[in-house]
Amino acid sequence: MARWNGAASRQTFVRGAREWLIETRRTSGASEYRLHHDSIRAHVAHAIGTDALAGHHLALAERLATWPAPAEASARRYALRHALQHRYEASAWVDAWRVAADVAFLEAKCRELGLDEAEDDVARTAARCRASGDEVHGERFGDLARALGRESHWLRTAPEATTGLVWNRLRWRCAQCRSALQRFRVTTSSCSLRLLQIQGRTTRLR
């Protein structure tokens, strides 16, 4: 694709694009490079302006990173990976909270992308929200990220128990979070039963 024909071509590319790349090492010791998205974002924002960039992110959120997600596999994966990112880049905090507070989204993210991805995504959203000056939503996202972290042991074992575990963790912590998650309360009993089954299995294995 890049029409490299040897090490010299690759080295020339790396020297020219160094500020846009992050270098990591494979287990074999060989270097590999991935895009430095923060650097690219800063360059684009400088070129077109932060308001225009936010508008593009909002358009992507509304057209490609929708939730509920499309059924097609690649579209669904894009939505799971980028739904919160496009919304926090657009400072669309109300809609970002709508997505994050949907436990179906959190469960799908834990199941399909992994708990670490889900927790980190919510934590990044919290940090960006607080930095924007929206303390109310920032606190909600922060509480949600902490709930995911504190229930991480069980969520890794049973992502389908996300509803009960997260709601239970938040119910005494944050009134706004509890209100947003109220509609999932009907499934708490089944999730708790599933958790008890897992706990029992874990105990027997010890």
N, C-alpha and C. Protein backbone atom coordinates (compact mmCIF):
# COMPACT_ATOMS: atom_id res chain seq x y z
N MET A 1 0.82 -1.19 0.00
CA MET A 1 0.00 0.00 0.00
C MET A 1 0.87 1.26 0.00
N ALA A 2 1.87 1.29 0.87
CA ALA A 2 2.74 2.46 0.95
C ALA A 2 3.85 2.42 -0.09
N ARG A 3 3.92 1.33 -0.88
CA ARG A 3 4.94 1.16 -1.92
C ARG A 3 6.36 1.18 -1.35
N TRP A 4 6.51 0.65 -0.11
CA TRP A 4 7.84 0.51 0.43
C TRP A 4 8.54 -0.63 -0.30
N ASN A 5 9.83 -0.43 -0.59
CA ASN A 5 10.58 -1.50 -1.24
C ASN A 5 11.84 -1.87 -0.46
N GLY A 6 11.84 -1.57 0.82
CA GLY A 6 12.98 -1.94 1.63
C GLY A 6 13.04 -1.15 2.92
N ALA A 7 14.05 -1.47 3.75
CA ALA A 7 14.18 -0.80 5.05
C ALA A 7 14.40 0.70 4.91
N ALA A 8 15.13 1.10 3.88
CA ALA A 8 15.42 2.53 3.70
C ALA A 8 14.13 3.33 3.49
N SER A 9 13.21 2.78 2.69
CA SER A 9 11.93 3.47 2.45
C SER A 9 11.13 3.60 3.74
N ARG A 10 11.11 2.53 4.52
CA ARG A 10 10.38 2.57 5.78
C ARG A 10 10.97 3.59 6.74
N GLN A 11 12.29 3.63 6.80
CA GLN A 11 12.96 4.58 7.70
C GLN A 11 12.72 6.02 7.27
N THR A 12 12.70 6.25 5.96
CA THR A 12 12.41 7.59 5.45
C THR A 12 11.00 8.02 5.85
N PHE A 13 10.04 7.09 5.71
CA PHE A 13 8.67 7.39 6.11
C PHE A 13 8.58 7.71 7.59
N VAL A 14 9.21 6.90 8.42
CA VAL A 14 9.15 7.10 9.87
C VAL A 14 9.74 8.45 10.25
N ARG A 15 10.87 8.82 9.64
CA ARG A 15 11.47 10.12 9.96
C ARG A 15 10.53 11.27 9.59
N GLY A 16 9.86 11.14 8.46
CA GLY A 16 8.99 12.21 8.02
C GLY A 16 7.69 12.30 8.79
N ALA A 17 7.24 11.17 9.31
CA ALA A 17 5.94 11.13 9.99
C ALA A 17 6.06 10.90 11.49
N ARG A 18 7.24 11.08 12.05
CA ARG A 18 7.49 10.74 13.45
C ARG A 18 6.49 11.37 14.40
N GLU A 19 6.14 12.64 14.19
CA GLU A 19 5.25 13.33 15.14
C GLU A 19 3.83 12.77 15.12
N TRP A 20 3.49 11.97 14.08
CA TRP A 20 2.14 11.41 13.98
C TRP A 20 2.09 9.95 14.44
N LEU A 21 3.23 9.41 14.89
CA LEU A 21 3.31 7.98 15.17
C LEU A 21 3.70 7.71 16.61
N ILE A 22 3.26 6.54 17.12
CA ILE A 22 3.70 6.01 18.40
C ILE A 22 4.41 4.70 18.12
N GLU A 23 5.62 4.58 18.63
CA GLU A 23 6.40 3.36 18.40
C GLU A 23 6.23 2.39 19.57
N THR A 24 5.95 1.14 19.27
CA THR A 24 5.89 0.09 20.28
C THR A 24 6.73 -1.08 19.79
N ARG A 25 6.92 -2.06 20.66
CA ARG A 25 7.73 -3.23 20.32
C ARG A 25 6.87 -4.48 20.35
N ARG A 26 7.02 -5.31 19.35
CA ARG A 26 6.38 -6.62 19.36
C ARG A 26 7.14 -7.54 20.31
N THR A 27 6.54 -8.67 20.63
CA THR A 27 7.22 -9.63 21.51
C THR A 27 8.53 -10.12 20.89
N SER A 28 8.62 -10.07 19.57
CA SER A 28 9.85 -10.48 18.89
C SER A 28 10.94 -9.43 18.99
N GLY A 29 10.57 -8.22 19.45
CA GLY A 29 11.54 -7.13 19.55
C GLY A 29 11.48 -6.17 18.39
N ALA A 30 10.75 -6.51 17.34
CA ALA A 30 10.65 -5.64 16.16
C ALA A 30 9.78 -4.43 16.48
N SER A 31 10.12 -3.30 15.87
CA SER A 31 9.35 -2.08 16.06
C SER A 31 8.07 -2.12 15.24
N GLU A 32 7.01 -1.55 15.79
CA GLU A 32 5.80 -1.34 15.02
C GLU A 32 5.27 0.04 15.38
N TYR A 33 4.47 0.60 14.49
CA TYR A 33 4.02 1.98 14.65
C TYR A 33 2.50 2.06 14.49
N ARG A 34 1.91 2.92 15.30
CA ARG A 34 0.48 3.21 15.16
C ARG A 34 0.30 4.71 15.22
N LEU A 35 -0.84 5.16 14.73
CA LEU A 35 -1.08 6.59 14.64
C LEU A 35 -1.21 7.22 16.03
N HIS A 36 -0.62 8.38 16.19
CA HIS A 36 -0.74 9.16 17.42
C HIS A 36 -1.97 10.06 17.26
N HIS A 37 -3.12 9.57 17.73
CA HIS A 37 -4.38 10.24 17.43
C HIS A 37 -4.47 11.62 18.07
N ASP A 38 -3.90 11.81 19.26
CA ASP A 38 -3.96 13.13 19.88
C ASP A 38 -3.22 14.16 19.05
N SER A 39 -2.07 13.76 18.51
CA SER A 39 -1.29 14.67 17.68
C SER A 39 -2.04 15.02 16.40
N ILE A 40 -2.65 13.99 15.79
CA ILE A 40 -3.41 14.22 14.56
C ILE A 40 -4.63 15.10 14.85
N ARG A 41 -5.30 14.83 15.98
CA ARG A 41 -6.46 15.64 16.35
C ARG A 41 -6.07 17.10 16.51
N ALA A 42 -4.94 17.37 17.19
CA ALA A 42 -4.50 18.75 17.39
C ALA A 42 -4.21 19.44 16.06
N HIS A 43 -3.59 18.70 15.14
CA HIS A 43 -3.28 19.26 13.83
C HIS A 43 -4.55 19.59 13.06
N VAL A 44 -5.53 18.68 13.07
CA VAL A 44 -6.79 18.91 12.36
C VAL A 44 -7.56 20.07 12.99
N ALA A 45 -7.59 20.09 14.33
CA ALA A 45 -8.30 21.17 15.02
C ALA A 45 -7.69 22.53 14.67
N HIS A 46 -6.36 22.57 14.59
CA HIS A 46 -5.68 23.82 14.23
C HIS A 46 -6.02 24.22 12.80
N ALA A 47 -6.14 23.22 11.92
CA ALA A 47 -6.37 23.50 10.51
C ALA A 47 -7.80 23.95 10.22
N ILE A 48 -8.79 23.33 10.88
CA ILE A 48 -10.19 23.64 10.54
C ILE A 48 -10.95 24.33 11.66
N GLY A 49 -10.36 24.38 12.85
CA GLY A 49 -11.02 25.01 13.98
C GLY A 49 -11.74 24.00 14.86
N THR A 50 -11.75 24.24 16.15
CA THR A 50 -12.33 23.28 17.09
C THR A 50 -13.84 23.13 16.92
N ASP A 51 -14.53 24.22 16.56
CA ASP A 51 -15.99 24.13 16.38
C ASP A 51 -16.33 23.24 15.19
N ALA A 52 -15.60 23.39 14.10
CA ALA A 52 -15.85 22.55 12.93
C ALA A 52 -15.54 21.10 13.23
N LEU A 53 -14.45 20.86 13.97
CA LEU A 53 -14.09 19.49 14.32
C LEU A 53 -15.17 18.85 15.19
N ALA A 54 -15.68 19.62 16.16
CA ALA A 54 -16.76 19.10 17.01
C ALA A 54 -17.99 18.77 16.18
N GLY A 55 -18.28 19.59 15.18
CA GLY A 55 -19.42 19.32 14.31
C GLY A 55 -19.26 18.03 13.53
N HIS A 56 -18.04 17.76 13.08
CA HIS A 56 -17.78 16.51 12.36
C HIS A 56 -17.97 15.31 13.30
N HIS A 57 -17.49 15.43 14.53
CA HIS A 57 -17.66 14.34 15.49
C HIS A 57 -19.14 14.10 15.79
N LEU A 58 -19.91 15.17 15.90
CA LEU A 58 -21.34 15.01 16.16
C LEU A 58 -22.02 14.31 14.98
N ALA A 59 -21.61 14.68 13.75
CA ALA A 59 -22.19 14.02 12.58
C ALA A 59 -21.85 12.53 12.57
N LEU A 60 -20.62 12.18 12.94
CA LEU A 60 -20.24 10.78 13.00
C LEU A 60 -21.03 10.04 14.08
N ALA A 61 -21.25 10.73 15.21
CA ALA A 61 -22.04 10.12 16.29
C ALA A 61 -23.46 9.82 15.82
N GLU A 62 -24.02 10.72 15.06
CA GLU A 62 -25.42 10.58 14.65
C GLU A 62 -25.60 9.63 13.47
N ARG A 63 -24.53 9.44 12.68
CA ARG A 63 -24.67 8.63 11.46
C ARG A 63 -24.01 7.26 11.56
N LEU A 64 -22.86 7.19 12.23
CA LEU A 64 -22.11 5.94 12.25
C LEU A 64 -22.00 5.32 13.64
N ALA A 65 -21.95 6.14 14.67
CA ALA A 65 -21.76 5.62 16.03
C ALA A 65 -23.06 5.71 16.81
N THR A 66 -24.14 5.27 16.18
CA THR A 66 -25.45 5.36 16.81
C THR A 66 -25.62 4.26 17.85
N TRP A 67 -26.48 4.54 18.83
CA TRP A 67 -26.86 3.51 19.79
C TRP A 67 -28.33 3.68 20.10
N PRO A 68 -29.12 2.60 19.95
CA PRO A 68 -28.73 1.22 19.62
C PRO A 68 -28.02 1.13 18.27
N ALA A 69 -27.11 0.17 18.19
CA ALA A 69 -26.24 0.05 17.03
C ALA A 69 -26.93 -0.71 15.90
N PRO A 70 -26.47 -0.52 14.67
CA PRO A 70 -26.96 -1.33 13.55
C PRO A 70 -26.63 -2.81 13.77
N ALA A 71 -27.35 -3.67 13.11
CA ALA A 71 -27.14 -5.11 13.29
C ALA A 71 -25.87 -5.60 12.59
N GLU A 72 -25.47 -4.94 11.52
CA GLU A 72 -24.29 -5.39 10.76
C GLU A 72 -23.06 -5.35 11.65
N ALA A 73 -22.23 -6.39 11.59
CA ALA A 73 -21.16 -6.61 12.58
C ALA A 73 -20.16 -5.46 12.64
N SER A 74 -19.65 -5.01 11.51
CA SER A 74 -18.62 -3.96 11.53
C SER A 74 -19.21 -2.63 12.00
N ALA A 75 -20.47 -2.34 11.62
CA ALA A 75 -21.12 -1.12 12.07
C ALA A 75 -21.36 -1.15 13.58
N ARG A 76 -21.74 -2.32 14.07
CA ARG A 76 -21.96 -2.47 15.51
C ARG A 76 -20.65 -2.28 16.28
N ARG A 77 -19.59 -2.87 15.77
CA ARG A 77 -18.30 -2.75 16.45
C ARG A 77 -17.82 -1.30 16.45
N TYR A 78 -18.03 -0.60 15.35
CA TYR A 78 -17.64 0.81 15.30
C TYR A 78 -18.42 1.61 16.34
N ALA A 79 -19.72 1.35 16.43
CA ALA A 79 -20.54 2.07 17.40
C ALA A 79 -20.08 1.79 18.83
N LEU A 80 -19.82 0.52 19.14
CA LEU A 80 -19.36 0.18 20.49
C LEU A 80 -18.04 0.86 20.82
N ARG A 81 -17.15 0.92 19.84
CA ARG A 81 -15.82 1.47 20.10
C ARG A 81 -15.82 2.99 20.13
N HIS A 82 -16.68 3.64 19.34
CA HIS A 82 -16.54 5.09 19.16
C HIS A 82 -17.76 5.91 19.58
N ALA A 83 -18.83 5.28 20.05
CA ALA A 83 -20.03 6.06 20.39
C ALA A 83 -19.75 7.13 21.43
N LEU A 84 -19.05 6.78 22.49
CA LEU A 84 -18.74 7.78 23.52
C LEU A 84 -17.69 8.77 23.03
N GLN A 85 -16.68 8.28 22.32
CA GLN A 85 -15.61 9.17 21.86
C GLN A 85 -16.15 10.30 20.99
N HIS A 86 -16.96 9.99 19.99
CA HIS A 86 -17.47 11.04 19.12
C HIS A 86 -18.32 12.03 19.90
N ARG A 87 -19.04 11.55 20.91
CA ARG A 87 -19.89 12.45 21.69
C ARG A 87 -19.07 13.32 22.62
N TYR A 88 -18.00 12.77 23.23
CA TYR A 88 -17.22 13.67 24.09
C TYR A 88 -16.38 14.63 23.27
N GLU A 89 -15.96 14.23 22.07
CA GLU A 89 -15.23 15.17 21.22
C GLU A 89 -16.14 16.30 20.76
N ALA A 90 -17.46 16.03 20.69
CA ALA A 90 -18.43 17.06 20.30
C ALA A 90 -19.00 17.79 21.51
N SER A 91 -18.55 17.41 22.73
CA SER A 91 -19.09 17.96 23.98
C SER A 91 -20.60 17.75 24.08
N ALA A 92 -21.08 16.65 23.53
CA ALA A 92 -22.52 16.31 23.58
C ALA A 92 -22.77 15.47 24.82
N TRP A 93 -22.72 16.12 25.98
CA TRP A 93 -22.70 15.38 27.24
C TRP A 93 -24.02 14.70 27.56
N VAL A 94 -25.13 15.34 27.23
CA VAL A 94 -26.44 14.72 27.51
C VAL A 94 -26.59 13.43 26.71
N ASP A 95 -26.22 13.48 25.43
CA ASP A 95 -26.35 12.28 24.60
C ASP A 95 -25.30 11.24 24.98
N ALA A 96 -24.11 11.69 25.38
CA ALA A 96 -23.08 10.75 25.84
C ALA A 96 -23.56 10.00 27.07
N TRP A 97 -24.23 10.72 27.98
CA TRP A 97 -24.76 10.05 29.18
C TRP A 97 -25.89 9.11 28.83
N ARG A 98 -26.72 9.48 27.85
CA ARG A 98 -27.79 8.57 27.40
C ARG A 98 -27.20 7.23 26.97
N VAL A 99 -26.10 7.28 26.24
CA VAL A 99 -25.45 6.04 25.77
C VAL A 99 -24.81 5.30 26.93
N ALA A 100 -24.03 6.00 27.73
CA ALA A 100 -23.29 5.35 28.83
C ALA A 100 -24.22 4.77 29.87
N ALA A 101 -25.37 5.41 30.11
CA ALA A 101 -26.31 4.94 31.12
C ALA A 101 -27.17 3.80 30.62
N ASP A 102 -27.04 3.46 29.35
CA ASP A 102 -27.76 2.31 28.80
C ASP A 102 -26.94 1.06 29.10
N VAL A 103 -27.40 0.27 30.05
CA VAL A 103 -26.60 -0.87 30.48
C VAL A 103 -26.46 -1.90 29.36
N ALA A 104 -27.36 -1.88 28.39
CA ALA A 104 -27.19 -2.75 27.23
C ALA A 104 -25.91 -2.39 26.48
N PHE A 105 -25.59 -1.10 26.42
CA PHE A 105 -24.35 -0.64 25.79
C PHE A 105 -23.14 -1.12 26.60
N LEU A 106 -23.20 -0.92 27.92
CA LEU A 106 -22.08 -1.33 28.77
C LEU A 106 -21.86 -2.84 28.71
N GLU A 107 -22.95 -3.59 28.74
CA GLU A 107 -22.83 -5.05 28.69
C GLU A 107 -22.23 -5.50 27.36
N ALA A 108 -22.71 -4.92 26.27
CA ALA A 108 -22.18 -5.28 24.95
C ALA A 108 -20.71 -4.91 24.83
N LYS A 109 -20.35 -3.77 25.38
CA LYS A 109 -18.95 -3.32 25.32
C LYS A 109 -18.06 -4.26 26.14
N CYS A 110 -18.51 -4.63 27.33
CA CYS A 110 -17.76 -5.57 28.16
C CYS A 110 -17.61 -6.92 27.46
N ARG A 111 -18.70 -7.38 26.87
CA ARG A 111 -18.71 -8.70 26.26
C ARG A 111 -17.87 -8.75 24.97
N GLU A 112 -18.01 -7.71 24.13
CA GLU A 112 -17.43 -7.77 22.79
C GLU A 112 -16.07 -7.09 22.67
N LEU A 113 -15.81 -6.08 23.51
CA LEU A 113 -14.52 -5.38 23.45
C LEU A 113 -13.68 -5.57 24.69
N GLY A 114 -14.29 -6.05 25.77
CA GLY A 114 -13.55 -6.27 27.00
C GLY A 114 -13.84 -5.23 28.05
N LEU A 115 -13.77 -5.64 29.31
CA LEU A 115 -14.07 -4.74 30.41
C LEU A 115 -13.12 -3.55 30.46
N ASP A 116 -11.83 -3.78 30.21
CA ASP A 116 -10.86 -2.68 30.28
C ASP A 116 -11.23 -1.58 29.30
N GLU A 117 -11.63 -1.96 28.10
CA GLU A 117 -12.05 -0.98 27.10
C GLU A 117 -13.26 -0.19 27.58
N ALA A 118 -14.23 -0.88 28.17
CA ALA A 118 -15.43 -0.21 28.66
C ALA A 118 -15.10 0.77 29.79
N GLU A 119 -14.33 0.31 30.76
CA GLU A 119 -13.99 1.16 31.90
C GLU A 119 -13.16 2.36 31.46
N ASP A 120 -12.17 2.13 30.61
CA ASP A 120 -11.31 3.23 30.14
C ASP A 120 -12.11 4.25 29.34
N ASP A 121 -13.04 3.77 28.52
CA ASP A 121 -13.83 4.68 27.70
C ASP A 121 -14.69 5.59 28.57
N VAL A 122 -15.33 5.03 29.58
CA VAL A 122 -16.16 5.84 30.48
C VAL A 122 -15.28 6.80 31.29
N ALA A 123 -14.11 6.33 31.72
CA ALA A 123 -13.20 7.19 32.49
C ALA A 123 -12.69 8.36 31.64
N ARG A 124 -12.36 8.10 30.36
CA ARG A 124 -11.93 9.18 29.47
C ARG A 124 -13.06 10.20 29.28
N THR A 125 -14.27 9.69 29.14
CA THR A 125 -15.42 10.58 28.98
C THR A 125 -15.59 11.45 30.22
N ALA A 126 -15.42 10.85 31.40
CA ALA A 126 -15.53 11.61 32.65
C ALA A 126 -14.48 12.72 32.70
N ALA A 127 -13.25 12.39 32.34
CA ALA A 127 -12.17 13.38 32.39
C ALA A 127 -12.43 14.53 31.42
N ARG A 128 -12.86 14.20 30.19
CA ARG A 128 -13.13 15.25 29.21
C ARG A 128 -14.32 16.10 29.65
N CYS A 129 -15.31 15.47 30.26
CA CYS A 129 -16.50 16.19 30.71
C CYS A 129 -16.14 17.18 31.82
N ARG A 130 -15.37 16.72 32.80
CA ARG A 130 -14.95 17.62 33.88
C ARG A 130 -14.09 18.76 33.34
N ALA A 131 -13.21 18.45 32.38
CA ALA A 131 -12.35 19.48 31.80
C ALA A 131 -13.16 20.54 31.06
N SER A 132 -14.33 20.15 30.55
CA SER A 132 -15.17 21.10 29.82
C SER A 132 -15.95 22.01 30.77
N GLY A 133 -15.95 21.66 32.07
CA GLY A 133 -16.67 22.46 33.05
C GLY A 133 -18.02 21.91 33.45
N ASP A 134 -18.43 20.79 32.84
CA ASP A 134 -19.71 20.17 33.19
C ASP A 134 -19.49 19.20 34.35
N GLU A 135 -19.56 19.72 35.55
CA GLU A 135 -19.28 18.91 36.74
C GLU A 135 -20.37 17.88 37.01
N VAL A 136 -21.61 18.21 36.67
CA VAL A 136 -22.73 17.30 36.96
C VAL A 136 -22.55 16.00 36.18
N HIS A 137 -22.41 16.12 34.86
CA HIS A 137 -22.23 14.91 34.06
C HIS A 137 -20.86 14.28 34.33
N GLY A 138 -19.87 15.11 34.62
CA GLY A 138 -18.55 14.57 34.93
C GLY A 138 -18.58 13.65 36.14
N GLU A 139 -19.35 14.04 37.16
CA GLU A 139 -19.48 13.20 38.35
C GLU A 139 -20.20 11.90 38.03
N ARG A 140 -21.23 11.99 37.19
CA ARG A 140 -21.96 10.78 36.82
C ARG A 140 -21.06 9.79 36.09
N PHE A 141 -20.33 10.28 35.09
CA PHE A 141 -19.42 9.40 34.35
C PHE A 141 -18.35 8.83 35.28
N GLY A 142 -17.85 9.67 36.18
CA GLY A 142 -16.83 9.20 37.12
C GLY A 142 -17.35 8.10 38.02
N ASP A 143 -18.56 8.27 38.54
CA ASP A 143 -19.16 7.24 39.39
C ASP A 143 -19.36 5.94 38.60
N LEU A 144 -19.77 6.09 37.35
CA LEU A 144 -19.99 4.90 36.53
C LEU A 144 -18.68 4.17 36.25
N ALA A 145 -17.62 4.93 35.96
CA ALA A 145 -16.32 4.30 35.72
C ALA A 145 -15.83 3.57 36.98
N ARG A 146 -16.02 4.19 38.15
CA ARG A 146 -15.60 3.53 39.39
C ARG A 146 -16.42 2.28 39.66
N ALA A 147 -17.71 2.34 39.34
CA ALA A 147 -18.55 1.15 39.54
C ALA A 147 -18.06 0.00 38.68
N LEU A 148 -17.71 0.27 37.44
CA LEU A 148 -17.18 -0.77 36.56
C LEU A 148 -15.87 -1.33 37.11
N GLY A 149 -15.03 -0.44 37.61
CA GLY A 149 -13.75 -0.89 38.16
C GLY A 149 -13.91 -1.75 39.39
N ARG A 150 -14.83 -1.36 40.27
CA ARG A 150 -15.00 -2.10 41.53
C ARG A 150 -15.70 -3.44 41.33
N GLU A 151 -16.45 -3.55 40.25
CA GLU A 151 -17.12 -4.82 39.95
C GLU A 151 -16.38 -5.61 38.88
N SER A 152 -15.14 -5.23 38.60
CA SER A 152 -14.42 -5.80 37.47
C SER A 152 -14.24 -7.32 37.57
N HIS A 153 -14.03 -7.82 38.79
CA HIS A 153 -13.81 -9.27 38.94
C HIS A 153 -15.01 -10.05 38.40
N TRP A 154 -16.23 -9.61 38.80
CA TRP A 154 -17.43 -10.34 38.39
C TRP A 154 -17.79 -10.05 36.94
N LEU A 155 -17.56 -8.81 36.50
CA LEU A 155 -17.91 -8.46 35.12
C LEU A 155 -17.06 -9.21 34.11
N ARG A 156 -15.82 -9.51 34.47
CA ARG A 156 -15.00 -10.32 33.56
C ARG A 156 -15.57 -11.73 33.43
N THR A 157 -16.13 -12.22 34.51
CA THR A 157 -16.69 -13.57 34.50
C THR A 157 -18.06 -13.62 33.85
N ALA A 158 -18.87 -12.59 34.12
CA ALA A 158 -20.27 -12.61 33.66
C ALA A 158 -20.70 -11.22 33.21
N PRO A 159 -20.32 -10.81 32.00
CA PRO A 159 -20.75 -9.49 31.53
C PRO A 159 -22.26 -9.35 31.46
N GLU A 160 -22.97 -10.49 31.36
CA GLU A 160 -24.43 -10.42 31.32
C GLU A 160 -25.02 -9.95 32.65
N ALA A 161 -24.22 -9.90 33.71
CA ALA A 161 -24.69 -9.42 35.02
C ALA A 161 -24.45 -7.93 35.20
N THR A 162 -24.07 -7.22 34.13
CA THR A 162 -23.76 -5.80 34.22
C THR A 162 -24.89 -5.00 34.85
N THR A 163 -26.11 -5.26 34.45
CA THR A 163 -27.25 -4.49 34.94
C THR A 163 -27.32 -4.51 36.46
N GLY A 164 -27.39 -5.69 37.04
CA GLY A 164 -27.52 -5.80 38.49
C GLY A 164 -26.31 -5.28 39.23
N LEU A 165 -25.12 -5.61 38.75
CA LEU A 165 -23.90 -5.21 39.44
C LEU A 165 -23.71 -3.70 39.45
N VAL A 166 -23.89 -3.08 38.29
CA VAL A 166 -23.69 -1.63 38.19
C VAL A 166 -24.79 -0.89 38.96
N TRP A 167 -26.03 -1.32 38.78
CA TRP A 167 -27.12 -0.64 39.50
C TRP A 167 -26.92 -0.76 41.00
N ASN A 168 -26.55 -1.93 41.48
CA ASN A 168 -26.35 -2.13 42.91
C ASN A 168 -25.21 -1.26 43.44
N ARG A 169 -24.14 -1.12 42.65
CA ARG A 169 -23.00 -0.31 43.07
C ARG A 169 -23.37 1.17 43.13
N LEU A 170 -24.22 1.62 42.21
CA LEU A 170 -24.54 3.04 42.11
C LEU A 170 -25.72 3.47 42.98
N ARG A 171 -26.53 2.54 43.44
CA ARG A 171 -27.82 2.93 44.02
C ARG A 171 -27.69 3.80 45.26
N TRP A 172 -26.61 3.64 46.05
CA TRP A 172 -26.43 4.51 47.21
C TRP A 172 -25.41 5.61 46.96
N ARG A 173 -24.74 5.54 45.79
CA ARG A 173 -23.64 6.47 45.55
C ARG A 173 -24.09 7.77 44.89
N CYS A 174 -24.99 7.67 43.93
CA CYS A 174 -25.26 8.83 43.09
C CYS A 174 -26.72 8.84 42.69
N ALA A 175 -27.47 9.80 43.19
CA ALA A 175 -28.91 9.84 42.93
C ALA A 175 -29.21 9.98 41.44
N GLN A 176 -28.42 10.80 40.73
CA GLN A 176 -28.66 11.00 39.31
C GLN A 176 -28.40 9.71 38.53
N CYS A 177 -27.33 9.00 38.89
CA CYS A 177 -27.03 7.73 38.22
C CYS A 177 -28.14 6.74 38.50
N ARG A 178 -28.59 6.69 39.75
CA ARG A 178 -29.63 5.73 40.12
C ARG A 178 -30.90 5.99 39.32
N SER A 179 -31.23 7.27 39.15
CA SER A 179 -32.42 7.62 38.38
C SER A 179 -32.28 7.19 36.93
N ALA A 180 -31.12 7.41 36.34
CA ALA A 180 -30.91 7.06 34.94
C ALA A 180 -30.96 5.56 34.73
N LEU A 181 -30.55 4.79 35.73
CA LEU A 181 -30.50 3.34 35.59
C LEU A 181 -31.77 2.66 36.11
N GLN A 182 -32.75 3.45 36.54
CA GLN A 182 -33.93 2.88 37.17
C GLN A 182 -34.65 1.89 36.25
N ARG A 183 -34.67 2.17 34.94
CA ARG A 183 -35.44 1.33 34.03
C ARG A 183 -34.87 -0.08 33.91
N PHE A 184 -33.63 -0.29 34.38
CA PHE A 184 -33.04 -1.61 34.31
C PHE A 184 -33.28 -2.43 35.57
N ARG A 185 -34.01 -1.85 36.51
CA ARG A 185 -34.19 -2.48 37.81
C ARG A 185 -34.90 -3.82 37.70
N VAL A 186 -35.76 -3.96 36.71
CA VAL A 186 -36.56 -5.18 36.58
C VAL A 186 -35.70 -6.40 36.33
N THR A 187 -34.48 -6.20 35.83
CA THR A 187 -33.62 -7.35 35.52
C THR A 187 -32.64 -7.65 36.64
N THR A 188 -32.67 -6.83 37.69
CA THR A 188 -31.68 -7.01 38.76
C THR A 188 -31.78 -8.38 39.40
N SER A 189 -32.98 -8.89 39.63
CA SER A 189 -33.13 -10.18 40.30
C SER A 189 -32.49 -11.30 39.51
N SER A 190 -32.73 -11.33 38.20
CA SER A 190 -32.15 -12.39 37.38
C SER A 190 -30.64 -12.27 37.33
N CYS A 191 -30.14 -11.02 37.28
CA CYS A 191 -28.69 -10.85 37.28
C CYS A 191 -28.09 -11.27 38.62
N SER A 192 -28.78 -10.93 39.72
CA SER A 192 -28.28 -11.33 41.03
C SER A 192 -28.24 -12.84 41.16
N LEU A 193 -29.28 -13.51 40.61
CA LEU A 193 -29.30 -14.97 40.64
C LEU A 193 -28.11 -15.52 39.88
N ARG A 194 -27.84 -14.95 38.72
CA ARG A 194 -26.69 -15.39 37.92
C ARG A 194 -25.40 -15.18 38.69
N LEU A 195 -25.29 -14.04 39.39
CA LEU A 195 -24.09 -13.76 40.17
C LEU A 195 -23.93 -14.77 41.30
N LEU A 196 -25.01 -15.11 41.98
CA LEU A 196 -24.94 -16.10 43.06
C LEU A 196 -24.48 -17.45 42.52
N GLN A 197 -24.94 -17.80 41.32
CA GLN A 197 -24.51 -19.06 40.71
C GLN A 197 -23.01 -19.04 40.43
N ILE A 198 -22.53 -17.89 39.94
CA ILE A 198 -21.10 -17.77 39.65
C ILE A 198 -20.28 -17.82 40.92
N GLN A 199 -20.76 -17.09 41.96
CA GLN A 199 -20.06 -17.10 43.23
C GLN A 199 -19.98 -18.51 43.81
N GLY A 200 -21.10 -19.26 43.70
CA GLY A 200 -21.11 -20.63 44.19
C GLY A 200 -20.13 -21.50 43.45
N ARG A 201 -20.05 -21.32 42.12
CA ARG A 201 -19.13 -22.11 41.33
C ARG A 201 -17.69 -21.78 41.69
N THR A 202 -17.44 -20.45 41.90
CA THR A 202 -16.09 -20.03 42.28
C THR A 202 -15.69 -20.62 43.62
N THR A 203 -16.64 -20.60 44.57
CA THR A 203 -16.35 -21.15 45.90
C THR A 203 -16.02 -22.62 45.83
N ARG A 204 -16.76 -23.37 45.01
CA ARG A 204 -16.51 -24.81 44.90
C ARG A 204 -15.16 -25.11 44.28
N LEU A 205 -14.68 -24.17 43.45
CA LEU A 205 -13.40 -24.41 42.78
C LEU A 205 -12.21 -24.10 43.66
N ARG A 206 -12.43 -23.40 44.76
CA ARG A 206 -11.32 -23.03 45.63
C ARG A 206 -10.80 -24.22 46.42
